[in-house]
Amino acid sequence: QIEYAESKYLEPFDNETTRELQQVRTPRDIVQKCKKLFFTFDYDKNATISLSEIRKGIAYLALETSMAAPPQSAVDAAFKKYSEPGSDRLTFGQFLNVFVALTV
């Protein structure tokens, strides 16, 4: 998983993601941190994040940083807010929005 995350982190964003990020006003350092987290959480390596993957990833991140994890209800609500209607996956841009919402 780490090799996958590292290799994807080093790749430039595709055109769709670049366009998506132009709509978001998030500092570049946060975008880069989230990019690494996104591909680390992407356990099935399909360049999207499921609710299950984000729940596991956020819990793991909280353990690694000795910070309190946000309540699962907050993770679920942010996932629902930023995912496309009827979709059970997040793109990187959507994940970035979720991450920012949960850390503010």
Protein backbone atom coordinates (compact mmCIF):
# COMPACT_ATOMS: atom_id res chain seq x y z
CA GLN A 1 0.00 0.00 0.00
CA ILE A 2 2.79 2.42 0.87
CA GLU A 3 4.54 1.89 -2.48
CA TYR A 4 1.27 2.60 -4.30
CA ALA A 5 0.61 5.73 -2.23
CA GLU A 6 4.15 7.04 -2.77
CA SER A 7 4.10 6.46 -6.53
CA LYS A 8 0.65 8.06 -6.95
CA TYR A 9 1.68 10.99 -4.73
CA LEU A 10 4.59 11.76 -7.05
CA GLU A 11 2.43 11.71 -10.19
CA PRO A 12 0.93 15.01 -11.36
CA PHE A 13 -2.83 15.41 -11.06
CA ASP A 14 -4.87 14.46 -14.11
CA ASN A 15 -6.71 17.21 -16.04
CA GLU A 16 -10.06 16.57 -14.34
CA THR A 17 -8.56 16.80 -10.86
CA THR A 18 -6.59 19.91 -11.81
CA ARG A 19 -9.83 21.58 -12.95
CA GLU A 20 -11.56 20.46 -9.75
CA LEU A 21 -8.76 21.90 -7.60
CA GLN A 22 -8.98 25.26 -9.36
CA GLN A 23 -12.44 25.59 -7.77
CA VAL A 24 -11.05 24.98 -4.27
CA ARG A 25 -9.14 27.58 -2.29
CA THR A 26 -7.04 25.28 -0.16
CA PRO A 27 -3.36 26.02 0.55
CA ARG A 28 -0.95 23.95 -1.54
CA ASP A 29 0.65 22.31 1.51
CA ILE A 30 -2.77 21.01 2.63
CA VAL A 31 -3.48 19.76 -0.90
CA GLN A 32 -0.19 17.86 -0.95
CA LYS A 33 -0.79 16.37 2.51
CA CYS A 34 -4.27 15.30 1.47
CA LYS A 35 -2.94 13.80 -1.75
CA LYS A 36 -0.65 11.52 0.23
CA LEU A 37 -3.47 10.60 2.63
CA PHE A 38 -5.91 10.00 -0.22
CA PHE A 39 -3.72 7.40 -1.90
CA THR A 40 -2.76 5.85 1.44
CA PHE A 41 -6.48 5.44 2.29
CA ASP A 42 -7.26 4.09 -1.22
CA TYR A 43 -6.90 0.45 -0.19
CA ASP A 44 -8.39 -0.98 -3.39
CA LYS A 45 -6.14 1.26 -5.52
CA ASN A 46 -8.85 2.60 -7.83
CA ALA A 47 -8.13 6.33 -7.29
CA THR A 48 -11.37 6.90 -5.39
CA ILE A 49 -12.22 6.58 -1.71
CA SER A 50 -15.19 4.69 -0.31
CA LEU A 51 -16.90 5.55 2.97
CA SER A 52 -15.35 2.45 4.51
CA GLU A 53 -11.87 3.50 3.36
CA ILE A 54 -12.25 7.02 4.71
CA ARG A 55 -13.56 5.75 8.05
CA LYS A 56 -10.54 3.43 8.43
CA GLY A 57 -8.13 6.09 7.22
CA ILE A 58 -9.39 8.81 9.56
CA ALA A 59 -9.29 6.41 12.54
CA TYR A 60 -5.74 5.36 11.64
CA LEU A 61 -4.65 8.98 11.18
CA ALA A 62 -6.04 9.84 14.61
CA LEU A 63 -4.06 7.00 16.18
CA GLU A 64 -0.86 8.01 14.36
CA THR A 65 -1.15 11.66 15.40
CA SER A 66 -2.49 11.03 18.93
CA MET A 67 -5.45 13.24 18.11
CA ALA A 68 -9.09 12.48 18.73
CA ALA A 69 -10.85 11.13 15.67
CA PRO A 70 -13.97 12.99 14.61
CA PRO A 71 -17.18 11.10 15.41
CA GLN A 72 -18.17 8.58 12.76
CA SER A 73 -21.41 10.52 12.29
CA ALA A 74 -19.37 13.61 11.32
CA VAL A 75 -17.29 11.57 8.85
CA ASP A 76 -20.46 10.07 7.36
CA ALA A 77 -22.17 13.47 7.10
CA ALA A 78 -19.15 15.08 5.40
CA PHE A 79 -18.88 12.12 3.01
CA LYS A 80 -22.55 12.46 2.09
CA LYS A 81 -22.29 16.23 1.69
CA TYR A 82 -19.34 16.15 -0.73
CA SER A 83 -20.01 12.94 -2.68
CA GLU A 84 -22.07 12.98 -5.86
CA PRO A 85 -25.72 12.04 -5.25
CA GLY A 86 -26.05 8.27 -5.41
CA SER A 87 -22.28 7.72 -5.39
CA ASP A 88 -20.50 5.73 -2.73
CA ARG A 89 -17.02 7.02 -3.67
CA LEU A 90 -15.08 10.28 -3.46
CA THR A 91 -12.69 11.77 -5.97
CA PHE A 92 -9.57 13.49 -4.68
CA GLY A 93 -11.23 16.94 -4.83
CA GLN A 94 -14.22 15.68 -2.87
CA PHE A 95 -11.91 14.02 -0.35
CA LEU A 96 -10.05 17.29 0.07
CA ASN A 97 -13.34 19.01 0.93
CA VAL A 98 -14.18 16.28 3.45
CA PHE A 99 -10.74 16.49 5.05
CA VAL A 100 -10.91 20.27 5.39
CA ALA A 101 -14.46 20.07 6.80
CA LEU A 102 -13.39 17.52 9.42
CA THR A 103 -10.27 19.37 10.51
CA VAL A 104 -11.71 22.87 10.85
